[in-house]
Amino acid sequence: MAHLLQMPKSRRKQEEEELTAYTARWLQLADAALSATEKAQKSLELARQEQERICRDIKRRLDDYAKAGGRRVKKIG
């Protein structure tokens, strides 16, 4: 009879271990997804900064071109 009482406890322990492993896997997946999202966000921010730099450079070149009366401005250095 004592042997029968031990079975549910063992099964419960096994289920708890499976639940713990399942939870750990989902937490790992959630962490990986968050990391990917953070990396994507950082990449978008860097791309935006580069786009702004390129736009400023183009505007500066157009302004220099207009100041030079439509002649190509030679770079010095």
C-alpha atoms as a PDB file:
ATOM      1  CA  MET A   1       0.000   0.000   0.000  1.00  0.00           C
ATOM      2  CA  ALA A   2       2.858   2.383   0.798  1.00  0.00           C
ATOM      3  CA  HIS A   3       4.170   1.722  -2.716  1.00  0.00           C
ATOM      4  CA  LEU A   4       0.899   2.995  -4.216  1.00  0.00           C
ATOM      5  CA  LEU A   5       1.083   6.214  -2.215  1.00  0.00           C
ATOM      6  CA  GLN A   6       4.557   6.930  -3.584  1.00  0.00           C
ATOM      7  CA  MET A   7       3.493   6.729  -7.244  1.00  0.00           C
ATOM      8  CA  PRO A   8       1.411   9.916  -7.362  1.00  0.00           C
ATOM      9  CA  LYS A   9       4.166  11.856  -5.604  1.00  0.00           C
ATOM     10  CA  SER A  10       6.693  10.621  -8.151  1.00  0.00           C
ATOM     11  CA  ARG A  11       4.333  11.452 -10.998  1.00  0.00           C
ATOM     12  CA  ARG A  12       3.698  14.891  -9.499  1.00  0.00           C
ATOM     13  CA  LYS A  13       7.439  15.474  -9.232  1.00  0.00           C
ATOM     14  CA  GLN A  14       7.883  14.403 -12.861  1.00  0.00           C
ATOM     15  CA  GLU A  15       5.084  16.742 -13.958  1.00  0.00           C
ATOM     16  CA  GLU A  16       6.638  19.603 -11.975  1.00  0.00           C
ATOM     17  CA  GLU A  17       9.991  18.956 -13.634  1.00  0.00           C
ATOM     18  CA  GLU A  18       8.360  18.882 -17.079  1.00  0.00           C
ATOM     19  CA  LEU A  19       6.498  22.118 -16.328  1.00  0.00           C
ATOM     20  CA  THR A  20       9.715  23.740 -15.108  1.00  0.00           C
ATOM     21  CA  ALA A  21      11.543  22.659 -18.282  1.00  0.00           C
ATOM     22  CA  TYR A  22       8.626  23.830 -20.456  1.00  0.00           C
ATOM     23  CA  THR A  23       8.556  27.212 -18.715  1.00  0.00           C
ATOM     24  CA  ALA A  24      12.324  27.568 -19.065  1.00  0.00           C
ATOM     25  CA  ARG A  25      12.110  26.875 -22.813  1.00  0.00           C
ATOM     26  CA  TRP A  26       9.385  29.506 -23.263  1.00  0.00           C
ATOM     27  CA  LEU A  27      11.344  32.040 -21.233  1.00  0.00           C
ATOM     28  CA  GLN A  28      14.379  31.323 -23.397  1.00  0.00           C
ATOM     29  CA  LEU A  29      12.300  31.816 -26.561  1.00  0.00           C
ATOM     30  CA  ALA A  30      10.824  35.044 -25.220  1.00  0.00           C
ATOM     31  CA  ASP A  31      14.301  36.314 -24.353  1.00  0.00           C
ATOM     32  CA  ALA A  32      15.582  35.457 -27.837  1.00  0.00           C
ATOM     33  CA  ALA A  33      12.609  37.218 -29.444  1.00  0.00           C
ATOM     34  CA  LEU A  34      13.192  40.287 -27.305  1.00  0.00           C
ATOM     35  CA  SER A  35      16.877  40.266 -28.188  1.00  0.00           C
ATOM     36  CA  ALA A  36      15.991  40.054 -31.889  1.00  0.00           C
ATOM     37  CA  THR A  37      13.514  42.902 -31.485  1.00  0.00           C
ATOM     38  CA  GLU A  38      16.094  45.026 -29.679  1.00  0.00           C
ATOM     39  CA  LYS A  39      18.666  44.296 -32.394  1.00  0.00           C
ATOM     40  CA  ALA A  40      16.167  45.209 -35.117  1.00  0.00           C
ATOM     41  CA  GLN A  41      15.308  48.419 -33.287  1.00  0.00           C
ATOM     42  CA  LYS A  42      19.001  49.328 -32.971  1.00  0.00           C
ATOM     43  CA  SER A  43      19.569  48.555 -36.668  1.00  0.00           C
ATOM     44  CA  LEU A  44      16.654  50.784 -37.649  1.00  0.00           C
ATOM     45  CA  GLU A  45      17.989  53.585 -35.473  1.00  0.00           C
ATOM     46  CA  LEU A  46      21.450  53.316 -37.057  1.00  0.00           C
ATOM     47  CA  ALA A  47      19.891  53.282 -40.545  1.00  0.00           C
ATOM     48  CA  ARG A  48      17.843  56.393 -39.675  1.00  0.00           C
ATOM     49  CA  GLN A  49      20.956  58.184 -38.440  1.00  0.00           C
ATOM     50  CA  GLU A  50      22.836  57.264 -41.611  1.00  0.00           C
ATOM     51  CA  GLN A  51      19.910  58.417 -43.750  1.00  0.00           C
ATOM     52  CA  GLU A  52      19.893  61.764 -41.933  1.00  0.00           C
ATOM     53  CA  ARG A  53      23.660  62.103 -42.454  1.00  0.00           C
ATOM     54  CA  ILE A  54      23.284  61.394 -46.181  1.00  0.00           C
ATOM     55  CA  CYS A  55      20.423  63.916 -46.468  1.00  0.00           C
ATOM     56  CA  ARG A  56      22.500  66.607 -44.714  1.00  0.00           C
ATOM     57  CA  ASP A  57      25.429  65.849 -47.021  1.00  0.00           C
ATOM     58  CA  ILE A  58      23.256  66.094 -50.151  1.00  0.00           C
ATOM     59  CA  LYS A  59      21.705  69.350 -48.922  1.00  0.00           C
ATOM     60  CA  ARG A  60      25.152  70.792 -48.184  1.00  0.00           C
ATOM     61  CA  ARG A  61      26.388  69.810 -51.650  1.00  0.00           C
ATOM     62  CA  LEU A  62      23.304  71.350 -53.304  1.00  0.00           C
ATOM     63  CA  ASP A  63      23.781  74.552 -51.303  1.00  0.00           C
ATOM     64  CA  ASP A  64      27.461  74.681 -52.283  1.00  0.00           C
ATOM     65  CA  TYR A  65      26.491  74.084 -55.923  1.00  0.00           C
ATOM     66  CA  ALA A  66      23.931  76.905 -55.795  1.00  0.00           C
ATOM     67  CA  LYS A  67      26.439  79.280 -54.136  1.00  0.00           C
ATOM     68  CA  ALA A  68      28.959  78.498 -56.867  1.00  0.00           C
ATOM     69  CA  GLY A  69      26.455  79.627 -59.493  1.00  0.00           C
ATOM     70  CA  GLY A  70      25.735  76.157 -60.796  1.00  0.00           C
ATOM     71  CA  ARG A  71      29.373  75.252 -61.252  1.00  0.00           C
ATOM     72  CA  ARG A  72      30.778  72.096 -59.793  1.00  0.00           C
ATOM     73  CA  VAL A  73      32.532  72.767 -56.507  1.00  0.00           C
ATOM     74  CA  LYS A  74      35.940  71.118 -56.330  1.00  0.00           C
ATOM     75  CA  LYS A  75      36.964  69.510 -53.109  1.00  0.00           C
ATOM     76  CA  ILE A  76      40.184  70.723 -51.580  1.00  0.00           C
ATOM     77  CA  GLY A  77      42.243  68.197 -49.658  1.00  0.00           C
END
